[in-house]
Each structure stands twice: as structure tokens, then as C-alpha cells.
Amino acid sequence: MQLWVGLGNPGAKYAGNRHNIGFMALDRIAEDQGAPWRSKFQGLIAEARFGSEKVWLLKPTTFMNLSGQSVGEAMRFHKLEPGDVTVFHDELDLAPGKVRLKQGGGHAGHNGLRSIHQHIGPDYARVRLGIGHPGHKDRVSGYVLSDFAKSEGEMLDNLLRGIVDGAPKLAAGDGGGFMNAISLRVAPPRSSATAKPDKSPTKAASESAPKAEQAPDPEPSLTPLQRLAARFK
């Protein structure tokens, strides 16, 4: 059994904020699973299944800086260890659309992670979802609490679709498979079949023209000077 936690702030006011991308990720997974949300553990919880693996999805409704209360309560109830927990959260140090997996480590000033550290320690996994940085630390608060720009809509949708695609791999402990599923959505490989052939006259002529055959050596036994003279006979 695993516990996946999405970080964000509750309420319609914050629903589209960059800070709520963790909520968005779990909402997409729950939607794909047809799993209803219900109130429990100072949050909203839903049950997902990937093969034989049961995963509880949790969105703390305590507001970001108290997220650890909800996570700790859910862990104790289900008798889970920190290693069973994966937290989906926004990451300033990654460009929008970029994702990284991390096991353990510091909270890097993230209020939600700081709270979780206080309640369960640092030994949980994180899915770091890039939102980019506003460029100056004084602008961070306003930036994370603002909505994604319309121009980022397609990127965000592809990212969330990739997370849903890769969720079974993540549940199975296949981090590489999870990341690959996201990559296929966010940056799909270009098909060679779509590449247009170069039909320029110069290239076409060079491809259709027969290759010139090398002139045979006049007399292999002759000296270099005699060979040169033979060519002008």
C-alpha cells in the first residue's frame, strides 16, 4: 500500500494556481481511475488501484503550510512508513513541464514540504513538478499563487496526461518508466516519416547522375614518371 500526496491550497480561489499543481496531478489520476473523493484525515482522499497495488490519493485541505498534519494522520491510520509516501509538488528550480523524481532530502524552503518534514521526517519520495522561477525571490510568493498563463495550457495538459500514463509505472516502483511516459507526452519524438525529402534540382541531379568510374592505372609496373607520360600519349 502506498500514499500519494498532492500539495496545494483548498478552495476555488487557488484551484488554478501554480502552487496547486500537486492537487491537479492527483485530480487527473483520480478522474482516470473513476475514484471519488471523500473527506478524511484533514483532507480529501480517494482510492486508486494499479494492478495489485493499492494507492491512497490524499489532498490535504489544511492549507499548504500545515500539510504535514494531514499526511501524518493518514500514515498512522494505514500504518505506513515514510518510504511508502510520494509527494507531488510544485518546483521553482525546474522549468515548466520538467519533472524530476527524488527520494528524501531537504525541503528547499517549500512550506508544504517543510510541514511534512516536521510530521514524518525527510525520507519520503517526491515528484517535483516544474513551474519555473519568476527571476527574483521577492516575486516568488505572488508567482506561485498566480494561475498558469493561457500560453502554458497545452504544456500543463500534456504534463498531467503524462502523469496519468505513467502512474502504473510509479506504483510499481519503475521511476524510469514513469518519467518516460511523461516525456512521450511533453516532448514526443519526431517521426522520420514526416520529414520532407530534399527535392532541390541540384540534389536531384546529383542523385540521378551515374557515378564516374575511376580511370584504370595505365601500367601498374611503370614508374610514377612513366605513368604520367603514358597519360599524354
C-alpha atoms as a PDB file:
ATOM      1  CA  MET A   1       0.000   0.000   0.000  1.00  0.00           C
ATOM      2  CA  GLN A   2       1.182   3.483  -0.851  1.00  0.00           C
ATOM      3  CA  LEU A   3       0.152   7.032  -0.070  1.00  0.00           C
ATOM      4  CA  TRP A   4       0.422   9.663  -2.802  1.00  0.00           C
ATOM      5  CA  VAL A   5       0.046  13.236  -1.597  1.00  0.00           C
ATOM      6  CA  GLY A   6      -0.716  16.220  -3.804  1.00  0.00           C
ATOM      7  CA  LEU A   7       0.131  19.625  -2.356  1.00  0.00           C
ATOM      8  CA  GLY A   8      -1.950  22.737  -2.838  1.00  0.00           C
ATOM      9  CA  ASN A   9      -4.376  25.108  -1.173  1.00  0.00           C
ATOM     10  CA  PRO A  10      -8.111  24.325  -0.870  1.00  0.00           C
ATOM     11  CA  GLY A  11     -10.858  26.384  -2.498  1.00  0.00           C
ATOM     12  CA  ALA A  12     -11.785  27.707  -5.928  1.00  0.00           C
ATOM     13  CA  LYS A  13      -9.668  30.821  -5.376  1.00  0.00           C
ATOM     14  CA  TYR A  14      -6.468  28.752  -5.577  1.00  0.00           C
ATOM     15  CA  ALA A  15      -7.554  25.984  -7.966  1.00  0.00           C
ATOM     16  CA  GLY A  16      -5.582  27.244 -10.990  1.00  0.00           C
ATOM     17  CA  ASN A  17      -2.502  28.432  -9.067  1.00  0.00           C
ATOM     18  CA  ARG A  18       0.964  27.142  -9.913  1.00  0.00           C
ATOM     19  CA  HIS A  19       1.245  26.189  -6.226  1.00  0.00           C
ATOM     20  CA  ASN A  20      -1.655  23.756  -6.763  1.00  0.00           C
ATOM     21  CA  ILE A  21      -0.090  21.611  -9.459  1.00  0.00           C
ATOM     22  CA  GLY A  22       0.167  18.748  -6.938  1.00  0.00           C
ATOM     23  CA  PHE A  23      -3.616  18.851  -6.487  1.00  0.00           C
ATOM     24  CA  MET A  24      -4.030  18.940 -10.280  1.00  0.00           C
ATOM     25  CA  ALA A  25      -1.899  15.814 -10.729  1.00  0.00           C
ATOM     26  CA  LEU A  26      -3.905  13.782  -8.218  1.00  0.00           C
ATOM     27  CA  ASP A  27      -7.213  15.068  -9.592  1.00  0.00           C
ATOM     28  CA  ARG A  28      -6.271  13.705 -13.032  1.00  0.00           C
ATOM     29  CA  ILE A  29      -5.254  10.342 -11.581  1.00  0.00           C
ATOM     30  CA  ALA A  30      -8.490  10.069  -9.574  1.00  0.00           C
ATOM     31  CA  GLU A  31     -10.522  11.050 -12.648  1.00  0.00           C
ATOM     32  CA  ASP A  32      -8.793   8.414 -14.759  1.00  0.00           C
ATOM     33  CA  GLN A  33      -9.489   5.817 -12.054  1.00  0.00           C
ATOM     34  CA  GLY A  34     -13.090   6.885 -11.571  1.00  0.00           C
ATOM     35  CA  ALA A  35     -12.219   7.241  -7.872  1.00  0.00           C
ATOM     36  CA  PRO A  36     -14.478   9.573  -5.839  1.00  0.00           C
ATOM     37  CA  TRP A  37     -13.039  11.929  -3.242  1.00  0.00           C
ATOM     38  CA  ARG A  38     -14.239  11.868   0.364  1.00  0.00           C
ATOM     39  CA  SER A  39     -13.267  13.851   3.428  1.00  0.00           C
ATOM     40  CA  LYS A  40     -10.839  12.219   5.848  1.00  0.00           C
ATOM     41  CA  PHE A  41      -7.516  12.925   7.575  1.00  0.00           C
ATOM     42  CA  GLN A  42      -7.984  16.717   7.354  1.00  0.00           C
ATOM     43  CA  GLY A  43      -8.099  16.364   3.617  1.00  0.00           C
ATOM     44  CA  LEU A  44      -9.713  14.642   0.666  1.00  0.00           C
ATOM     45  CA  ILE A  45      -8.836  11.027  -0.034  1.00  0.00           C
ATOM     46  CA  ALA A  46      -9.514   8.621  -2.908  1.00  0.00           C
ATOM     47  CA  GLU A  47      -8.543   5.021  -3.567  1.00  0.00           C
ATOM     48  CA  ALA A  48      -6.660   4.060  -6.717  1.00  0.00           C
ATOM     49  CA  ARG A  49      -5.522   0.635  -7.892  1.00  0.00           C
ATOM     50  CA  PHE A  50      -2.755  -0.216 -10.321  1.00  0.00           C
ATOM     51  CA  GLY A  51      -2.796  -3.964 -10.811  1.00  0.00           C
ATOM     52  CA  SER A  52      -2.495  -5.460  -7.347  1.00  0.00           C
ATOM     53  CA  GLU A  53      -1.079  -2.243  -5.856  1.00  0.00           C
ATOM     54  CA  LYS A  54      -3.425  -0.082  -3.788  1.00  0.00           C
ATOM     55  CA  VAL A  55      -2.590   3.615  -3.641  1.00  0.00           C
ATOM     56  CA  TRP A  56      -4.364   6.155  -1.460  1.00  0.00           C
ATOM     57  CA  LEU A  57      -4.521   9.625  -3.006  1.00  0.00           C
ATOM     58  CA  LEU A  58      -4.537  12.456  -0.463  1.00  0.00           C
ATOM     59  CA  LYS A  59      -5.068  16.205  -0.922  1.00  0.00           C
ATOM     60  CA  PRO A  60      -4.574  17.974   2.435  1.00  0.00           C
ATOM     61  CA  THR A  61      -7.157  20.735   2.982  1.00  0.00           C
ATOM     62  CA  THR A  62      -5.254  22.328   5.856  1.00  0.00           C
ATOM     63  CA  PHE A  63      -3.616  24.897   3.535  1.00  0.00           C
ATOM     64  CA  MET A  64      -0.086  24.403   2.314  1.00  0.00           C
ATOM     65  CA  ASN A  65       1.925  25.258   5.417  1.00  0.00           C
ATOM     66  CA  LEU A  66       0.063  22.679   7.553  1.00  0.00           C
ATOM     67  CA  SER A  67       0.050  19.826   5.022  1.00  0.00           C
ATOM     68  CA  GLY A  68       2.077  17.579   7.312  1.00  0.00           C
ATOM     69  CA  GLN A  69      -0.799  17.258   9.782  1.00  0.00           C
ATOM     70  CA  SER A  70      -2.961  15.531   7.189  1.00  0.00           C
ATOM     71  CA  VAL A  71      -0.126  13.358   5.864  1.00  0.00           C
ATOM     72  CA  GLY A  72       0.927  12.233   9.335  1.00  0.00           C
ATOM     73  CA  GLU A  73      -2.641  11.325  10.286  1.00  0.00           C
ATOM     74  CA  ALA A  74      -3.173   9.260   7.119  1.00  0.00           C
ATOM     75  CA  MET A  75       0.164   7.479   7.589  1.00  0.00           C
ATOM     76  CA  ARG A  76      -0.577   6.496  11.177  1.00  0.00           C
ATOM     77  CA  PHE A  77      -4.062   5.231  10.319  1.00  0.00           C
ATOM     78  CA  HIS A  78      -2.788   2.996   7.496  1.00  0.00           C
ATOM     79  CA  LYS A  79       0.384   2.010   9.399  1.00  0.00           C
ATOM     80  CA  LEU A  80       2.656   3.264   6.630  1.00  0.00           C
ATOM     81  CA  GLU A  81       6.331   4.244   6.697  1.00  0.00           C
ATOM     82  CA  PRO A  82       7.803   7.421   5.147  1.00  0.00           C
ATOM     83  CA  GLY A  83       9.173   5.279   2.320  1.00  0.00           C
ATOM     84  CA  ASP A  84       5.580   4.436   1.319  1.00  0.00           C
ATOM     85  CA  VAL A  85       4.775   8.114   0.726  1.00  0.00           C
ATOM     86  CA  THR A  86       5.210  10.050  -2.532  1.00  0.00           C
ATOM     87  CA  VAL A  87       4.516  13.788  -2.586  1.00  0.00           C
ATOM     88  CA  PHE A  88       3.608  15.656  -5.799  1.00  0.00           C
ATOM     89  CA  HIS A  89       4.577  19.319  -5.510  1.00  0.00           C
ATOM     90  CA  ASP A  90       5.489  22.451  -7.451  1.00  0.00           C
ATOM     91  CA  GLU A  91       9.196  23.100  -8.033  1.00  0.00           C
ATOM     92  CA  LEU A  92      10.589  26.576  -8.722  1.00  0.00           C
ATOM     93  CA  ASP A  93      14.000  25.280  -9.739  1.00  0.00           C
ATOM     94  CA  LEU A  94      12.646  23.343 -12.729  1.00  0.00           C
ATOM     95  CA  ALA A  95      11.349  24.854 -15.955  1.00  0.00           C
ATOM     96  CA  PRO A  96       7.623  24.461 -16.670  1.00  0.00           C
ATOM     97  CA  GLY A  97       6.887  20.978 -17.978  1.00  0.00           C
ATOM     98  CA  LYS A  98      10.015  19.436 -16.455  1.00  0.00           C
ATOM     99  CA  VAL A  99       9.665  16.673 -13.873  1.00  0.00           C
ATOM    100  CA  ARG A 100      12.154  15.030 -11.544  1.00  0.00           C
ATOM    101  CA  LEU A 101      11.890  12.186  -9.048  1.00  0.00           C
ATOM    102  CA  LYS A 102      13.688  12.461  -5.756  1.00  0.00           C
ATOM    103  CA  GLN A 103      13.979  10.223  -2.715  1.00  0.00           C
ATOM    104  CA  GLY A 104      14.491  12.007   0.583  1.00  0.00           C
ATOM    105  CA  GLY A 105      16.438  15.227   1.013  1.00  0.00           C
ATOM    106  CA  GLY A 106      15.670  18.745   2.215  1.00  0.00           C
ATOM    107  CA  HIS A 107      12.559  20.859   1.751  1.00  0.00           C
ATOM    108  CA  ALA A 108      14.357  23.776  -0.006  1.00  0.00           C
ATOM    109  CA  GLY A 109      12.067  26.307   1.667  1.00  0.00           C
ATOM    110  CA  HIS A 110       8.843  24.822   0.292  1.00  0.00           C
ATOM    111  CA  ASN A 111       6.223  25.381   3.004  1.00  0.00           C
ATOM    112  CA  GLY A 112       4.312  22.189   2.274  1.00  0.00           C
ATOM    113  CA  LEU A 113       7.430  20.029   2.351  1.00  0.00           C
ATOM    114  CA  ARG A 114       8.660  21.803   5.476  1.00  0.00           C
ATOM    115  CA  SER A 115       5.444  20.860   7.261  1.00  0.00           C
ATOM    116  CA  ILE A 116       5.673  17.238   6.088  1.00  0.00           C
ATOM    117  CA  HIS A 117       9.266  17.091   7.316  1.00  0.00           C
ATOM    118  CA  GLN A 118       8.081  18.182  10.750  1.00  0.00           C
ATOM    119  CA  HIS A 119       5.497  15.380  10.941  1.00  0.00           C
ATOM    120  CA  ILE A 120       7.085  12.378   9.197  1.00  0.00           C
ATOM    121  CA  GLY A 121      10.733  13.281   8.569  1.00  0.00           C
ATOM    122  CA  PRO A 122      12.519  13.647   5.214  1.00  0.00           C
ATOM    123  CA  ASP A 123      12.577  10.041   3.991  1.00  0.00           C
ATOM    124  CA  TYR A 124       9.705  10.173   1.521  1.00  0.00           C
ATOM    125  CA  ALA A 125       9.708  10.358  -2.267  1.00  0.00           C
ATOM    126  CA  ARG A 126       8.879  13.486  -4.242  1.00  0.00           C
ATOM    127  CA  VAL A 127       7.616  14.105  -7.756  1.00  0.00           C
ATOM    128  CA  ARG A 128       8.957  17.594  -8.440  1.00  0.00           C
ATOM    129  CA  LEU A 129       6.768  19.365 -10.991  1.00  0.00           C
ATOM    130  CA  GLY A 130       8.481  22.330 -12.622  1.00  0.00           C
ATOM    131  CA  ILE A 131       6.730  25.690 -12.674  1.00  0.00           C
ATOM    132  CA  GLY A 132       9.754  27.903 -13.384  1.00  0.00           C
ATOM    133  CA  HIS A 133      11.074  30.821 -11.344  1.00  0.00           C
ATOM    134  CA  PRO A 134       9.898  34.458 -11.587  1.00  0.00           C
ATOM    135  CA  GLY A 135      13.516  35.666 -11.552  1.00  0.00           C
ATOM    136  CA  HIS A 136      13.716  37.264  -8.116  1.00  0.00           C
ATOM    137  CA  LYS A 137      12.974  35.863  -4.666  1.00  0.00           C
ATOM    138  CA  ASP A 138      10.757  38.847  -3.788  1.00  0.00           C
ATOM    139  CA  ARG A 139       8.360  37.819  -6.558  1.00  0.00           C
ATOM    140  CA  VAL A 140       8.087  34.151  -5.592  1.00  0.00           C
ATOM    141  CA  SER A 141       5.032  34.399  -3.335  1.00  0.00           C
ATOM    142  CA  GLY A 142       2.923  36.239  -5.867  1.00  0.00           C
ATOM    143  CA  TYR A 143       4.159  33.997  -8.665  1.00  0.00           C
ATOM    144  CA  VAL A 144       3.278  30.650  -7.088  1.00  0.00           C
ATOM    145  CA  LEU A 145      -0.126  31.980  -6.017  1.00  0.00           C
ATOM    146  CA  SER A 146      -0.966  33.121  -9.539  1.00  0.00           C
ATOM    147  CA  ASP A 147      -2.616  30.964 -12.199  1.00  0.00           C
ATOM    148  CA  PHE A 148      -0.774  29.306 -15.050  1.00  0.00           C
ATOM    149  CA  ALA A 149      -0.741  31.531 -18.117  1.00  0.00           C
ATOM    150  CA  LYS A 150      -3.044  30.628 -21.013  1.00  0.00           C
ATOM    151  CA  SER A 151       0.040  30.023 -23.145  1.00  0.00           C
ATOM    152  CA  GLU A 152       1.058  27.277 -20.702  1.00  0.00           C
ATOM    153  CA  GLY A 153      -2.258  25.439 -21.025  1.00  0.00           C
ATOM    154  CA  GLU A 154      -1.142  22.874 -23.595  1.00  0.00           C
ATOM    155  CA  MET A 155       2.097  22.176 -21.727  1.00  0.00           C
ATOM    156  CA  LEU A 156       0.205  21.678 -18.457  1.00  0.00           C
ATOM    157  CA  ASP A 157      -2.368  19.381 -20.044  1.00  0.00           C
ATOM    158  CA  ASN A 158       0.326  17.236 -21.655  1.00  0.00           C
ATOM    159  CA  LEU A 159       2.214  17.049 -18.370  1.00  0.00           C
ATOM    160  CA  LEU A 160      -0.861  15.895 -16.446  1.00  0.00           C
ATOM    161  CA  ARG A 161      -1.725  13.373 -19.168  1.00  0.00           C
ATOM    162  CA  GLY A 162       1.806  12.019 -18.920  1.00  0.00           C
ATOM    163  CA  ILE A 163       1.496  11.640 -15.165  1.00  0.00           C
ATOM    164  CA  VAL A 164      -1.691   9.604 -15.638  1.00  0.00           C
ATOM    165  CA  ASP A 165       0.020   7.469 -18.313  1.00  0.00           C
ATOM    166  CA  GLY A 166       2.990   6.818 -16.040  1.00  0.00           C
ATOM    167  CA  ALA A 167       1.098   6.301 -12.772  1.00  0.00           C
ATOM    168  CA  PRO A 168       1.083   2.469 -13.031  1.00  0.00           C
ATOM    169  CA  LYS A 169       4.854   2.518 -13.504  1.00  0.00           C
ATOM    170  CA  LEU A 170       5.327   4.776 -10.486  1.00  0.00           C
ATOM    171  CA  ALA A 171       3.140   2.492  -8.360  1.00  0.00           C
ATOM    172  CA  ALA A 172       5.278  -0.471  -9.447  1.00  0.00           C
ATOM    173  CA  GLY A 173       8.491   1.320  -8.436  1.00  0.00           C
ATOM    174  CA  ASP A 174       9.593   1.878 -12.031  1.00  0.00           C
ATOM    175  CA  GLY A 175      10.711   5.511 -11.878  1.00  0.00           C
ATOM    176  CA  GLY A 176      12.297   5.372 -15.314  1.00  0.00           C
ATOM    177  CA  GLY A 177       9.081   4.116 -16.886  1.00  0.00           C
ATOM    178  CA  PHE A 178       7.131   6.872 -15.161  1.00  0.00           C
ATOM    179  CA  MET A 179       9.476   9.555 -16.456  1.00  0.00           C
ATOM    180  CA  ASN A 180       9.442   8.091 -19.958  1.00  0.00           C
ATOM    181  CA  ALA A 181       5.638   8.186 -20.070  1.00  0.00           C
ATOM    182  CA  ILE A 182       5.697  11.884 -19.190  1.00  0.00           C
ATOM    183  CA  SER A 183       8.392  12.587 -21.762  1.00  0.00           C
ATOM    184  CA  LEU A 184       6.345  10.939 -24.508  1.00  0.00           C
ATOM    185  CA  ARG A 185       3.525  13.386 -23.788  1.00  0.00           C
ATOM    186  CA  VAL A 186       5.518  16.542 -23.146  1.00  0.00           C
ATOM    187  CA  ALA A 187       8.211  16.051 -25.800  1.00  0.00           C
ATOM    188  CA  PRO A 188       7.130  13.269 -28.188  1.00  0.00           C
ATOM    189  CA  PRO A 189       9.792  12.043 -30.615  1.00  0.00           C
ATOM    190  CA  ARG A 190       9.589  13.428 -34.136  1.00  0.00           C
ATOM    191  CA  SER A 191       8.652  10.824 -36.721  1.00  0.00           C
ATOM    192  CA  SER A 192      11.158  10.390 -39.547  1.00  0.00           C
ATOM    193  CA  ALA A 193       8.220   9.637 -41.844  1.00  0.00           C
ATOM    194  CA  THR A 194       7.115  13.244 -41.591  1.00  0.00           C
ATOM    195  CA  ALA A 195      10.446  14.620 -42.787  1.00  0.00           C
ATOM    196  CA  LYS A 196      10.140  16.035 -46.307  1.00  0.00           C
ATOM    197  CA  PRO A 197      12.753  14.852 -48.818  1.00  0.00           C
ATOM    198  CA  ASP A 198      15.028  17.458 -50.335  1.00  0.00           C
ATOM    199  CA  LYS A 199      13.878  17.761 -53.957  1.00  0.00           C
ATOM    200  CA  SER A 200      16.126  20.624 -54.995  1.00  0.00           C
ATOM    201  CA  PRO A 201      17.303  20.411 -58.651  1.00  0.00           C
ATOM    202  CA  THR A 202      20.945  20.242 -57.622  1.00  0.00           C
ATOM    203  CA  LYS A 203      20.429  17.338 -55.221  1.00  0.00           C
ATOM    204  CA  ALA A 204      18.081  15.519 -57.600  1.00  0.00           C
ATOM    205  CA  ALA A 205      20.592  15.774 -60.423  1.00  0.00           C
ATOM    206  CA  SER A 206      23.440  14.557 -58.279  1.00  0.00           C
ATOM    207  CA  GLU A 207      21.398  11.578 -57.070  1.00  0.00           C
ATOM    208  CA  SER A 208      20.243  10.596 -60.574  1.00  0.00           C
ATOM    209  CA  ALA A 209      23.617  11.049 -62.314  1.00  0.00           C
ATOM    210  CA  PRO A 210      25.731   7.883 -62.595  1.00  0.00           C
ATOM    211  CA  LYS A 211      28.921   7.855 -60.579  1.00  0.00           C
ATOM    212  CA  ALA A 212      32.073   8.468 -62.615  1.00  0.00           C
ATOM    213  CA  GLU A 213      34.302   5.445 -62.834  1.00  0.00           C
ATOM    214  CA  GLN A 214      37.926   5.852 -61.890  1.00  0.00           C
ATOM    215  CA  ALA A 215      40.306   5.590 -64.859  1.00  0.00           C
ATOM    216  CA  PRO A 216      42.382   2.405 -64.737  1.00  0.00           C
ATOM    217  CA  ASP A 217      46.049   2.639 -63.944  1.00  0.00           C
ATOM    218  CA  PRO A 218      47.829   2.549 -67.343  1.00  0.00           C
ATOM    219  CA  GLU A 219      50.624   0.201 -66.360  1.00  0.00           C
ATOM    220  CA  PRO A 220      50.969  -0.887 -62.738  1.00  0.00           C
ATOM    221  CA  SER A 221      54.608  -1.856 -63.338  1.00  0.00           C
ATOM    222  CA  LEU A 222      55.695   1.574 -64.607  1.00  0.00           C
ATOM    223  CA  THR A 223      57.392   4.211 -62.517  1.00  0.00           C
ATOM    224  CA  PRO A 224      55.335   7.252 -61.467  1.00  0.00           C
ATOM    225  CA  LEU A 225      57.079   9.389 -64.150  1.00  0.00           C
ATOM    226  CA  GLN A 226      56.394   6.776 -66.872  1.00  0.00           C
ATOM    227  CA  ARG A 227      52.728   6.562 -65.785  1.00  0.00           C
ATOM    228  CA  LEU A 228      52.388  10.343 -66.092  1.00  0.00           C
ATOM    229  CA  ALA A 229      53.916  10.316 -69.574  1.00  0.00           C
ATOM    230  CA  ALA A 230      51.621   7.461 -70.644  1.00  0.00           C
ATOM    231  CA  ARG A 231      48.534   9.527 -69.861  1.00  0.00           C
ATOM    232  CA  PHE A 232      49.534  12.121 -72.512  1.00  0.00           C
ATOM    233  CA  LYS A 233      50.230   9.716 -75.356  1.00  0.00           C
END
